[in-house]
Amino acid sequence: MEVRLALDPRLEIDGETFAAAWRENPANLALGSFTVDPSSPRTFTEPSIILTFISGVAVGALPNALWDGIKWTCQRLSNAKRKSLPELVFQHVKQPDGTEITLLRLKE
């Protein structure tokens, strides 16, 4: 399974930092790993960091654990900055070229 994740720039989290923090949790590593996608197209209006998640875990067992791991990672990074993490939402977007990206945004 492959998931492309775009981080809201207001989170102030860069891709390499997110990927490194993801790897700090053994439960996250059991799911798979994130890498920064250096060639990702910028098809939506705000600048974003695109990460690609690759997993060998069965798709049915993955989504909730993946979203929980992403939120755990963001919380950990916010705690390191001594900031509170605002509420996050996931938005699944199908791009005009057919690719799919999950946007991690701050709840408005």
PDB file of N, CA and C in Angstrom:
ATOM      1  N   MET A   1       0.841  -1.180   0.000  1.00  0.00           N
ATOM      2  CA  MET A   1       0.000   0.000   0.000  1.00  0.00           C
ATOM      3  C   MET A   1       0.881   1.236   0.000  1.00  0.00           C
ATOM      4  N   GLU A   2       0.483   2.218  -0.803  1.00  0.00           N
ATOM      5  CA  GLU A   2       1.207   3.484  -0.847  1.00  0.00           C
ATOM      6  C   GLU A   2       0.218   4.610  -0.600  1.00  0.00           C
ATOM      7  N   VAL A   3       0.581   5.539   0.277  1.00  0.00           N
ATOM      8  CA  VAL A   3      -0.242   6.704   0.576  1.00  0.00           C
ATOM      9  C   VAL A   3       0.631   7.929   0.412  1.00  0.00           C
ATOM     10  N   ARG A   4       0.121   8.923  -0.301  1.00  0.00           N
ATOM     11  CA  ARG A   4       0.831  10.200  -0.420  1.00  0.00           C
ATOM     12  C   ARG A   4       0.186  11.170   0.550  1.00  0.00           C
ATOM     13  N   LEU A   5       0.993  11.781   1.396  1.00  0.00           N
ATOM     14  CA  LEU A   5       0.521  12.669   2.454  1.00  0.00           C
ATOM     15  C   LEU A   5       1.119  14.055   2.259  1.00  0.00           C
ATOM     16  N   ALA A   6       0.270  15.074   2.269  1.00  0.00           N
ATOM     17  CA  ALA A   6       0.721  16.464   2.201  1.00  0.00           C
ATOM     18  C   ALA A   6       0.471  17.102   3.555  1.00  0.00           C
ATOM     19  N   LEU A   7       1.486  17.759   4.089  1.00  0.00           N
ATOM     20  CA  LEU A   7       1.375  18.417   5.389  1.00  0.00           C
ATOM     21  C   LEU A   7       1.019  19.883   5.196  1.00  0.00           C
ATOM     22  N   ASP A   8       0.031  20.342   5.949  1.00  0.00           N
ATOM     23  CA  ASP A   8      -0.351  21.745   5.943  1.00  0.00           C
ATOM     24  C   ASP A   8       0.860  22.563   6.391  1.00  0.00           C
ATOM     25  N   PRO A   9       1.251  23.588   5.644  1.00  0.00           N
ATOM     26  CA  PRO A   9       2.417  24.390   6.037  1.00  0.00           C
ATOM     27  C   PRO A   9       2.257  25.058   7.399  1.00  0.00           C
ATOM     28  N   ARG A  10       1.008  25.275   7.831  1.00  0.00           N
ATOM     29  CA  ARG A  10       0.791  25.908   9.144  1.00  0.00           C
ATOM     30  C   ARG A  10       1.217  25.000  10.296  1.00  0.00           C
ATOM     31  N   LEU A  11       1.425  23.710  10.009  1.00  0.00           N
ATOM     32  CA  LEU A  11       1.920  22.803  11.047  1.00  0.00           C
ATOM     33  C   LEU A  11       3.383  23.080  11.373  1.00  0.00           C
ATOM     34  N   GLU A  12       4.074  23.727  10.451  1.00  0.00           N
ATOM     35  CA  GLU A  12       5.498  24.053  10.608  1.00  0.00           C
ATOM     36  C   GLU A  12       6.322  22.792  10.866  1.00  0.00           C
ATOM     37  N   ILE A  13       6.038  21.755  10.075  1.00  0.00           N
ATOM     38  CA  ILE A  13       6.772  20.489  10.171  1.00  0.00           C
ATOM     39  C   ILE A  13       7.364  20.188   8.811  1.00  0.00           C
ATOM     40  N   ASP A  14       8.671  20.028   8.751  1.00  0.00           N
ATOM     41  CA  ASP A  14       9.278  19.669   7.474  1.00  0.00           C
ATOM     42  C   ASP A  14       9.268  18.147   7.318  1.00  0.00           C
ATOM     43  N   GLY A  15       9.347  17.706   6.079  1.00  0.00           N
ATOM     44  CA  GLY A  15       9.203  16.291   5.771  1.00  0.00           C
ATOM     45  C   GLY A  15      10.235  15.399   6.420  1.00  0.00           C
ATOM     46  N   GLU A  16      11.485  15.817   6.396  1.00  0.00           N
ATOM     47  CA  GLU A  16      12.543  14.991   6.997  1.00  0.00           C
ATOM     48  C   GLU A  16      12.344  14.843   8.502  1.00  0.00           C
ATOM     49  N   THR A  17      11.931  15.922   9.158  1.00  0.00           N
ATOM     50  CA  THR A  17      11.683  15.870  10.600  1.00  0.00           C
ATOM     51  C   THR A  17      10.515  14.942  10.907  1.00  0.00           C
ATOM     52  N   PHE A  18       9.453  15.038  10.098  1.00  0.00           N
ATOM     53  CA  PHE A  18       8.303  14.161  10.296  1.00  0.00           C
ATOM     54  C   PHE A  18       8.709  12.701  10.122  1.00  0.00           C
ATOM     55  N   ALA A  19       9.436  12.400   9.044  1.00  0.00           N
ATOM     56  CA  ALA A  19       9.846  11.016   8.775  1.00  0.00           C
ATOM     57  C   ALA A  19      10.727  10.477   9.908  1.00  0.00           C
ATOM     58  N   ALA A  20      11.627  11.316  10.422  1.00  0.00           N
ATOM     59  CA  ALA A  20      12.502  10.883  11.523  1.00  0.00           C
ATOM     60  C   ALA A  20      11.688  10.624  12.796  1.00  0.00           C
ATOM     61  N   ALA A  21      10.744  11.519  13.100  1.00  0.00           N
ATOM     62  CA  ALA A  21       9.914  11.333  14.298  1.00  0.00           C
ATOM     63  C   ALA A  21       9.029  10.097  14.153  1.00  0.00           C
ATOM     64  N   TRP A  22       8.550   9.835  12.951  1.00  0.00           N
ATOM     65  CA  TRP A  22       7.742   8.628  12.689  1.00  0.00           C
ATOM     66  C   TRP A  22       8.522   7.380  13.078  1.00  0.00           C
ATOM     67  N   ARG A  23       9.791   7.352  12.726  1.00  0.00           N
ATOM     68  CA  ARG A  23      10.630   6.178  12.980  1.00  0.00           C
ATOM     69  C   ARG A  23      10.945   5.976  14.462  1.00  0.00           C
ATOM     70  N   GLU A  24      10.661   6.961  15.319  1.00  0.00           N
ATOM     71  CA  GLU A  24      10.941   6.835  16.747  1.00  0.00           C
ATOM     72  C   GLU A  24       9.939   5.928  17.466  1.00  0.00           C
ATOM     73  N   ASN A  25       8.812   5.649  16.838  1.00  0.00           N
ATOM     74  CA  ASN A  25       7.789   4.829  17.474  1.00  0.00           C
ATOM     75  C   ASN A  25       7.786   3.437  16.831  1.00  0.00           C
ATOM     76  N   PRO A  26       8.143   2.392  17.587  1.00  0.00           N
ATOM     77  CA  PRO A  26       8.169   1.043  17.019  1.00  0.00           C
ATOM     78  C   PRO A  26       6.832   0.614  16.405  1.00  0.00           C
ATOM     79  N   ALA A  27       5.720   1.068  16.978  1.00  0.00           N
ATOM     80  CA  ALA A  27       4.399   0.716  16.413  1.00  0.00           C
ATOM     81  C   ALA A  27       4.243   1.324  15.021  1.00  0.00           C
ATOM     82  N   ASN A  28       4.780   2.534  14.820  1.00  0.00           N
ATOM     83  CA  ASN A  28       4.730   3.159  13.502  1.00  0.00           C
ATOM     84  C   ASN A  28       5.573   2.363  12.505  1.00  0.00           C
ATOM     85  N   LEU A  29       6.770   1.999  12.924  1.00  0.00           N
ATOM     86  CA  LEU A  29       7.667   1.247  12.031  1.00  0.00           C
ATOM     87  C   LEU A  29       7.066  -0.088  11.612  1.00  0.00           C
ATOM     88  N   ALA A  30       6.275  -0.682  12.497  1.00  0.00           N
ATOM     89  CA  ALA A  30       5.636  -1.954  12.156  1.00  0.00           C
ATOM     90  C   ALA A  30       4.632  -1.771  11.010  1.00  0.00           C
ATOM     91  N   LEU A  31       4.104  -0.558  10.855  1.00  0.00           N
ATOM     92  CA  LEU A  31       3.158  -0.270   9.781  1.00  0.00           C
ATOM     93  C   LEU A  31       3.855  -0.029   8.447  1.00  0.00           C
ATOM     94  N   GLY A  32       4.976   0.698   8.497  1.00  0.00           N
ATOM     95  CA  GLY A  32       5.684   1.064   7.280  1.00  0.00           C
ATOM     96  C   GLY A  32       6.502   2.317   7.524  1.00  0.00           C
ATOM     97  N   SER A  33       6.960   2.948   6.452  1.00  0.00           N
ATOM     98  CA  SER A  33       7.812   4.123   6.625  1.00  0.00           C
ATOM     99  C   SER A  33       7.425   5.238   5.662  1.00  0.00           C
ATOM    100  N   PHE A  34       7.779   6.451   6.043  1.00  0.00           N
ATOM    101  CA  PHE A  34       7.562   7.633   5.219  1.00  0.00           C
ATOM    102  C   PHE A  34       8.872   8.076   4.603  1.00  0.00           C
ATOM    103  N   THR A  35       8.807   8.532   3.378  1.00  0.00           N
ATOM    104  CA  THR A  35       9.947   9.171   2.726  1.00  0.00           C
ATOM    105  C   THR A  35       9.453  10.470   2.106  1.00  0.00           C
ATOM    106  N   VAL A  36      10.333  11.446   1.995  1.00  0.00           N
ATOM    107  CA  VAL A  36       9.980  12.713   1.368  1.00  0.00           C
ATOM    108  C   VAL A  36      10.014  12.515  -0.131  1.00  0.00           C
ATOM    109  N   ASP A  37       8.983  12.995  -0.796  1.00  0.00           N
ATOM    110  CA  ASP A  37       8.869  12.876  -2.250  1.00  0.00           C
ATOM    111  C   ASP A  37       9.409  14.155  -2.889  1.00  0.00           C
ATOM    112  N   PRO A  38      10.661  14.133  -3.364  1.00  0.00           N
ATOM    113  CA  PRO A  38      11.267  15.364  -3.880  1.00  0.00           C
ATOM    114  C   PRO A  38      10.701  15.824  -5.212  1.00  0.00           C
ATOM    115  N   SER A  39      10.020  14.955  -5.931  1.00  0.00           N
ATOM    116  CA  SER A  39       9.544  15.325  -7.259  1.00  0.00           C
ATOM    117  C   SER A  39       8.036  15.518  -7.312  1.00  0.00           C
ATOM    118  N   SER A  40       7.418  15.731  -6.165  1.00  0.00           N
ATOM    119  CA  SER A  40       5.962  15.827  -6.147  1.00  0.00           C
ATOM    120  C   SER A  40       5.477  17.098  -6.831  1.00  0.00           C
ATOM    121  N   PRO A  41       4.431  16.964  -7.634  1.00  0.00           N
ATOM    122  CA  PRO A  41       3.873  18.152  -8.288  1.00  0.00           C
ATOM    123  C   PRO A  41       3.144  19.016  -7.274  1.00  0.00           C
ATOM    124  N   ARG A  42       3.164  20.299  -7.466  1.00  0.00           N
ATOM    125  CA  ARG A  42       2.440  21.220  -6.599  1.00  0.00           C
ATOM    126  C   ARG A  42       1.161  21.627  -7.321  1.00  0.00           C
ATOM    127  N   THR A  43       0.103  20.851  -7.138  1.00  0.00           N
ATOM    128  CA  THR A  43      -1.118  21.113  -7.881  1.00  0.00           C
ATOM    129  C   THR A  43      -2.165  21.839  -7.058  1.00  0.00           C
ATOM    130  N   PHE A  44      -1.957  22.010  -5.756  1.00  0.00           N
ATOM    131  CA  PHE A  44      -2.908  22.795  -4.993  1.00  0.00           C
ATOM    132  C   PHE A  44      -2.257  24.112  -4.611  1.00  0.00           C
ATOM    133  N   THR A  45      -3.051  25.065  -4.159  1.00  0.00           N
ATOM    134  CA  THR A  45      -2.628  26.452  -4.080  1.00  0.00           C
ATOM    135  C   THR A  45      -1.568  26.757  -3.033  1.00  0.00           C
ATOM    136  N   GLU A  46      -1.519  26.028  -1.956  1.00  0.00           N
ATOM    137  CA  GLU A  46      -0.538  26.347  -0.920  1.00  0.00           C
ATOM    138  C   GLU A  46       0.674  25.427  -1.022  1.00  0.00           C
ATOM    139  N   PRO A  47       1.840  25.938  -0.647  1.00  0.00           N
ATOM    140  CA  PRO A  47       3.013  25.059  -0.690  1.00  0.00           C
ATOM    141  C   PRO A  47       2.864  23.951   0.348  1.00  0.00           C
ATOM    142  N   SER A  48       3.226  22.770  -0.026  1.00  0.00           N
ATOM    143  CA  SER A  48       3.104  21.631   0.883  1.00  0.00           C
ATOM    144  C   SER A  48       4.305  20.722   0.743  1.00  0.00           C
ATOM    145  N   ILE A  49       4.504  19.934   1.763  1.00  0.00           N
ATOM    146  CA  ILE A  49       5.526  18.901   1.732  1.00  0.00           C
ATOM    147  C   ILE A  49       4.794  17.606   1.455  1.00  0.00           C
ATOM    148  N   ILE A  50       5.256  16.863   0.475  1.00  0.00           N
ATOM    149  CA  ILE A  50       4.621  15.588   0.156  1.00  0.00           C
ATOM    150  C   ILE A  50       5.501  14.462   0.683  1.00  0.00           C
ATOM    151  N   LEU A  51       4.883  13.565   1.435  1.00  0.00           N
ATOM    152  CA  LEU A  51       5.564  12.376   1.931  1.00  0.00           C
ATOM    153  C   LEU A  51       4.868  11.172   1.327  1.00  0.00           C
ATOM    154  N   THR A  52       5.636  10.142   1.073  1.00  0.00           N
ATOM    155  CA  THR A  52       5.059   8.904   0.570  1.00  0.00           C
ATOM    156  C   THR A  52       5.225   7.834   1.629  1.00  0.00           C
ATOM    157  N   PHE A  53       4.129   7.176   1.962  1.00  0.00           N
ATOM    158  CA  PHE A  53       4.117   6.108   2.948  1.00  0.00           C
ATOM    159  C   PHE A  53       4.013   4.791   2.202  1.00  0.00           C
ATOM    160  N   ILE A  54       4.908   3.869   2.505  1.00  0.00           N
ATOM    161  CA  ILE A  54       4.890   2.546   1.878  1.00  0.00           C
ATOM    162  C   ILE A  54       4.744   1.507   2.986  1.00  0.00           C
ATOM    163  N   SER A  55       3.848   0.557   2.766  1.00  0.00           N
ATOM    164  CA  SER A  55       3.621  -0.472   3.774  1.00  0.00           C
ATOM    165  C   SER A  55       3.411  -1.825   3.134  1.00  0.00           C
ATOM    166  N   GLY A  56       3.817  -2.851   3.860  1.00  0.00           N
ATOM    167  CA  GLY A  56       3.549  -4.210   3.436  1.00  0.00           C
ATOM    168  C   GLY A  56       2.384  -4.803   4.210  1.00  0.00           C
ATOM    169  N   VAL A  57       1.765  -3.998   5.087  1.00  0.00           N
ATOM    170  CA  VAL A  57       0.665  -4.456   5.925  1.00  0.00           C
ATOM    171  C   VAL A  57      -0.605  -4.521   5.088  1.00  0.00           C
ATOM    172  N   ALA A  58      -1.456  -5.454   5.392  1.00  0.00           N
ATOM    173  CA  ALA A  58      -2.726  -5.591   4.682  1.00  0.00           C
ATOM    174  C   ALA A  58      -3.534  -4.299   4.792  1.00  0.00           C
ATOM    175  N   VAL A  59      -4.143  -3.904   3.700  1.00  0.00           N
ATOM    176  CA  VAL A  59      -4.862  -2.640   3.638  1.00  0.00           C
ATOM    177  C   VAL A  59      -5.957  -2.533   4.695  1.00  0.00           C
ATOM    178  N   GLY A  60      -6.708  -3.574   4.949  1.00  0.00           N
ATOM    179  CA  GLY A  60      -7.798  -3.526   5.910  1.00  0.00           C
ATOM    180  C   GLY A  60      -7.355  -3.215   7.324  1.00  0.00           C
ATOM    181  N   ALA A  61      -6.145  -3.580   7.678  1.00  0.00           N
ATOM    182  CA  ALA A  61      -5.653  -3.367   9.034  1.00  0.00           C
ATOM    183  C   ALA A  61      -4.960  -2.024   9.193  1.00  0.00           C
ATOM    184  N   LEU A  62      -4.728  -1.322   8.105  1.00  0.00           N
ATOM    185  CA  LEU A  62      -3.852  -0.164   8.138  1.00  0.00           C
ATOM    186  C   LEU A  62      -4.474   1.194   8.416  1.00  0.00           C
ATOM    187  N   PRO A  63      -5.564   1.619   7.796  1.00  0.00           N
ATOM    188  CA  PRO A  63      -5.942   3.028   7.848  1.00  0.00           C
ATOM    189  C   PRO A  63      -6.026   3.658   9.234  1.00  0.00           C
ATOM    190  N   ASN A  64      -6.764   3.082  10.168  1.00  0.00           N
ATOM    191  CA  ASN A  64      -6.880   3.705  11.486  1.00  0.00           C
ATOM    192  C   ASN A  64      -5.541   3.773  12.200  1.00  0.00           C
ATOM    193  N   ALA A  65      -4.763   2.722  12.117  1.00  0.00           N
ATOM    194  CA  ALA A  65      -3.454   2.720  12.760  1.00  0.00           C
ATOM    195  C   ALA A  65      -2.530   3.758  12.105  1.00  0.00           C
ATOM    196  N   LEU A  66      -2.622   3.907  10.789  1.00  0.00           N
ATOM    197  CA  LEU A  66      -1.805   4.900  10.083  1.00  0.00           C
ATOM    198  C   LEU A  66      -2.168   6.307  10.534  1.00  0.00           C
ATOM    199  N   TRP A  67      -3.472   6.620  10.571  1.00  0.00           N
ATOM    200  CA  TRP A  67      -3.885   7.964  10.974  1.00  0.00           C
ATOM    201  C   TRP A  67      -3.505   8.224  12.434  1.00  0.00           C
ATOM    202  N   ASP A  68      -3.644   7.225  13.295  1.00  0.00           N
ATOM    203  CA  ASP A  68      -3.239   7.384  14.691  1.00  0.00           C
ATOM    204  C   ASP A  68      -1.738   7.647  14.790  1.00  0.00           C
ATOM    205  N   GLY A  69      -0.941   6.925  13.990  1.00  0.00           N
ATOM    206  CA  GLY A  69       0.504   7.133  13.996  1.00  0.00           C
ATOM    207  C   GLY A  69       0.898   8.510  13.502  1.00  0.00           C
ATOM    208  N   ILE A  70       0.190   9.004  12.503  1.00  0.00           N
ATOM    209  CA  ILE A  70       0.470  10.347  11.985  1.00  0.00           C
ATOM    210  C   ILE A  70       0.163  11.386  13.055  1.00  0.00           C
ATOM    211  N   LYS A  71      -0.971  11.238  13.717  1.00  0.00           N
ATOM    212  CA  LYS A  71      -1.325  12.186  14.779  1.00  0.00           C
ATOM    213  C   LYS A  71      -0.339  12.093  15.944  1.00  0.00           C
ATOM    214  N   TRP A  72       0.082  10.879  16.303  1.00  0.00           N
ATOM    215  CA  TRP A  72       1.073  10.703  17.372  1.00  0.00           C
ATOM    216  C   TRP A  72       2.357  11.441  17.013  1.00  0.00           C
ATOM    217  N   THR A  73       2.789  11.308  15.773  1.00  0.00           N
ATOM    218  CA  THR A  73       4.033  11.933  15.321  1.00  0.00           C
ATOM    219  C   THR A  73       3.914  13.449  15.371  1.00  0.00           C
ATOM    220  N   CYS A  74       2.801  13.986  14.908  1.00  0.00           N
ATOM    221  CA  CYS A  74       2.600  15.438  14.952  1.00  0.00           C
ATOM    222  C   CYS A  74       2.562  15.934  16.394  1.00  0.00           C
ATOM    223  N   GLN A  75       1.911  15.176  17.277  1.00  0.00           N
ATOM    224  CA  GLN A  75       1.854  15.557  18.692  1.00  0.00           C
ATOM    225  C   GLN A  75       3.253  15.585  19.300  1.00  0.00           C
ATOM    226  N   ARG A  76       4.034  14.584  18.979  1.00  0.00           N
ATOM    227  CA  ARG A  76       5.405  14.520  19.498  1.00  0.00           C
ATOM    228  C   ARG A  76       6.230  15.728  19.039  1.00  0.00           C
ATOM    229  N   LEU A  77       6.085  16.094  17.774  1.00  0.00           N
ATOM    230  CA  LEU A  77       6.826  17.239  17.245  1.00  0.00           C
ATOM    231  C   LEU A  77       6.339  18.553  17.864  1.00  0.00           C
ATOM    232  N   SER A  78       5.044  18.664  18.108  1.00  0.00           N
ATOM    233  CA  SER A  78       4.505  19.858  18.770  1.00  0.00           C
ATOM    234  C   SER A  78       5.003  19.951  20.203  1.00  0.00           C
ATOM    235  N   ASN A  79       5.025  18.818  20.899  1.00  0.00           N
ATOM    236  CA  ASN A  79       5.521  18.808  22.268  1.00  0.00           C
ATOM    237  C   ASN A  79       6.981  19.238  22.326  1.00  0.00           C
ATOM    238  N   ALA A  80       7.773  18.820  21.348  1.00  0.00           N
ATOM    239  CA  ALA A  80       9.192  19.201  21.316  1.00  0.00           C
ATOM    240  C   ALA A  80       9.352  20.708  21.147  1.00  0.00           C
ATOM    241  N   LYS A  81       8.395  21.349  20.479  1.00  0.00           N
ATOM    242  CA  LYS A  81       8.426  22.803  20.291  1.00  0.00           C
ATOM    243  C   LYS A  81       7.698  23.535  21.419  1.00  0.00           C
ATOM    244  N   ARG A  82       7.187  22.746  22.366  1.00  0.00           N
ATOM    245  CA  ARG A  82       6.411  23.280  23.489  1.00  0.00           C
ATOM    246  C   ARG A  82       5.192  24.060  23.008  1.00  0.00           C
ATOM    247  N   LYS A  83       4.562  23.498  21.980  1.00  0.00           N
ATOM    248  CA  LYS A  83       3.330  24.069  21.436  1.00  0.00           C
ATOM    249  C   LYS A  83       2.219  23.043  21.594  1.00  0.00           C
ATOM    250  N   SER A  84       0.993  23.540  21.694  1.00  0.00           N
ATOM    251  CA  SER A  84      -0.122  22.594  21.697  1.00  0.00           C
ATOM    252  C   SER A  84      -0.497  22.308  20.245  1.00  0.00           C
ATOM    253  N   LEU A  85      -0.875  21.083  20.004  1.00  0.00           N
ATOM    254  CA  LEU A  85      -1.240  20.667  18.653  1.00  0.00           C
ATOM    255  C   LEU A  85      -2.714  20.983  18.426  1.00  0.00           C
ATOM    256  N   PRO A  86      -2.997  21.798  17.410  1.00  0.00           N
ATOM    257  CA  PRO A  86      -4.405  22.053  17.110  1.00  0.00           C
ATOM    258  C   PRO A  86      -5.075  20.796  16.567  1.00  0.00           C
ATOM    259  N   GLU A  87      -6.379  20.812  16.496  1.00  0.00           N
ATOM    260  CA  GLU A  87      -7.093  19.653  15.964  1.00  0.00           C
ATOM    261  C   GLU A  87      -6.762  19.484  14.482  1.00  0.00           C
ATOM    262  N   LEU A  88      -6.516  18.238  14.091  1.00  0.00           N
ATOM    263  CA  LEU A  88      -6.131  17.928  12.720  1.00  0.00           C
ATOM    264  C   LEU A  88      -7.256  17.189  12.011  1.00  0.00           C
ATOM    265  N   VAL A  89      -7.320  17.377  10.699  1.00  0.00           N
ATOM    266  CA  VAL A  89      -8.274  16.633   9.873  1.00  0.00           C
ATOM    267  C   VAL A  89      -7.544  16.107   8.649  1.00  0.00           C
ATOM    268  N   PHE A  90      -8.001  14.976   8.172  1.00  0.00           N
ATOM    269  CA  PHE A  90      -7.475  14.389   6.944  1.00  0.00           C
ATOM    270  C   PHE A  90      -8.472  14.652   5.830  1.00  0.00           C
ATOM    271  N   GLN A  91      -7.962  15.071   4.686  1.00  0.00           N
ATOM    272  CA  GLN A  91      -8.818  15.321   3.528  1.00  0.00           C
ATOM    273  C   GLN A  91      -8.230  14.566   2.341  1.00  0.00           C
ATOM    274  N   HIS A  92      -9.014  13.674   1.779  1.00  0.00           N
ATOM    275  CA  HIS A  92      -8.570  12.878   0.634  1.00  0.00           C
ATOM    276  C   HIS A  92      -8.915  13.638  -0.644  1.00  0.00           C
ATOM    277  N   VAL A  93      -7.907  13.883  -1.494  1.00  0.00           N
ATOM    278  CA  VAL A  93      -8.097  14.678  -2.707  1.00  0.00           C
ATOM    279  C   VAL A  93      -7.607  13.895  -3.912  1.00  0.00           C
ATOM    280  N   LYS A  94      -8.447  13.843  -4.933  1.00  0.00           N
ATOM    281  CA  LYS A  94      -8.040  13.254  -6.201  1.00  0.00           C
ATOM    282  C   LYS A  94      -7.610  14.401  -7.109  1.00  0.00           C
ATOM    283  N   GLN A  95      -6.374  14.371  -7.553  1.00  0.00           N
ATOM    284  CA  GLN A  95      -5.808  15.419  -8.385  1.00  0.00           C
ATOM    285  C   GLN A  95      -6.310  15.283  -9.831  1.00  0.00           C
ATOM    286  N   PRO A  96      -6.244  16.365 -10.610  1.00  0.00           N
ATOM    287  CA  PRO A  96      -6.686  16.300 -12.008  1.00  0.00           C
ATOM    288  C   PRO A  96      -5.961  15.232 -12.833  1.00  0.00           C
ATOM    289  N   ASP A  97      -4.718  14.930 -12.464  1.00  0.00           N
ATOM    290  CA  ASP A  97      -3.971  13.913 -13.215  1.00  0.00           C
ATOM    291  C   ASP A  97      -4.284  12.486 -12.758  1.00  0.00           C
ATOM    292  N   GLY A  98      -5.220  12.353 -11.798  1.00  0.00           N
ATOM    293  CA  GLY A  98      -5.625  11.031 -11.327  1.00  0.00           C
ATOM    294  C   GLY A  98      -4.924  10.561 -10.066  1.00  0.00           C
ATOM    295  N   THR A  99      -3.845  11.226  -9.669  1.00  0.00           N
ATOM    296  CA  THR A  99      -3.166  10.826  -8.435  1.00  0.00           C
ATOM    297  C   THR A  99      -4.017  11.221  -7.231  1.00  0.00           C
ATOM    298  N   GLU A 100      -3.822  10.514  -6.139  1.00  0.00           N
ATOM    299  CA  GLU A 100      -4.566  10.793  -4.923  1.00  0.00           C
ATOM    300  C   GLU A 100      -3.604  11.198  -3.820  1.00  0.00           C
ATOM    301  N   ILE A 101      -3.989  12.220  -3.075  1.00  0.00           N
ATOM    302  CA  ILE A 101      -3.171  12.730  -1.982  1.00  0.00           C
ATOM    303  C   ILE A 101      -4.071  12.903  -0.771  1.00  0.00           C
ATOM    304  N   THR A 102      -3.555  12.563   0.395  1.00  0.00           N
ATOM    305  CA  THR A 102      -4.248  12.823   1.628  1.00  0.00           C
ATOM    306  C   THR A 102      -3.615  14.072   2.235  1.00  0.00           C
ATOM    307  N   LEU A 103      -4.440  15.096   2.457  1.00  0.00           N
ATOM    308  CA  LEU A 103      -3.958  16.329   3.044  1.00  0.00           C
ATOM    309  C   LEU A 103      -4.173  16.276   4.547  1.00  0.00           C
ATOM    310  N   LEU A 104      -3.148  16.604   5.291  1.00  0.00           N
ATOM    311  CA  LEU A 104      -3.260  16.730   6.744  1.00  0.00           C
ATOM    312  C   LEU A 104      -3.334  18.215   7.020  1.00  0.00           C
ATOM    313  N   ARG A 105      -4.517  18.660   7.464  1.00  0.00           N
ATOM    314  CA  ARG A 105      -4.777  20.093   7.655  1.00  0.00           C
ATOM    315  C   ARG A 105      -5.173  20.379   9.098  1.00  0.00           C
ATOM    316  N   LEU A 106      -5.013  21.641   9.460  1.00  0.00           N
ATOM    317  CA  LEU A 106      -5.553  22.115  10.728  1.00  0.00           C
ATOM    318  C   LEU A 106      -7.058  22.260  10.551  1.00  0.00           C
ATOM    319  N   LYS A 107      -7.810  21.873  11.573  1.00  0.00           N
ATOM    320  CA  LYS A 107      -9.261  22.007  11.492  1.00  0.00           C
ATOM    321  C   LYS A 107      -9.611  23.489  11.561  1.00  0.00           C
ATOM    322  N   GLU A 108     -10.433  23.919  10.641  1.00  0.00           N
ATOM    323  CA  GLU A 108     -10.827  25.343  10.574  1.00  0.00           C
ATOM    324  C   GLU A 108     -12.008  25.607  11.452  1.00  0.00           C
TER     325      GLU A 108
END
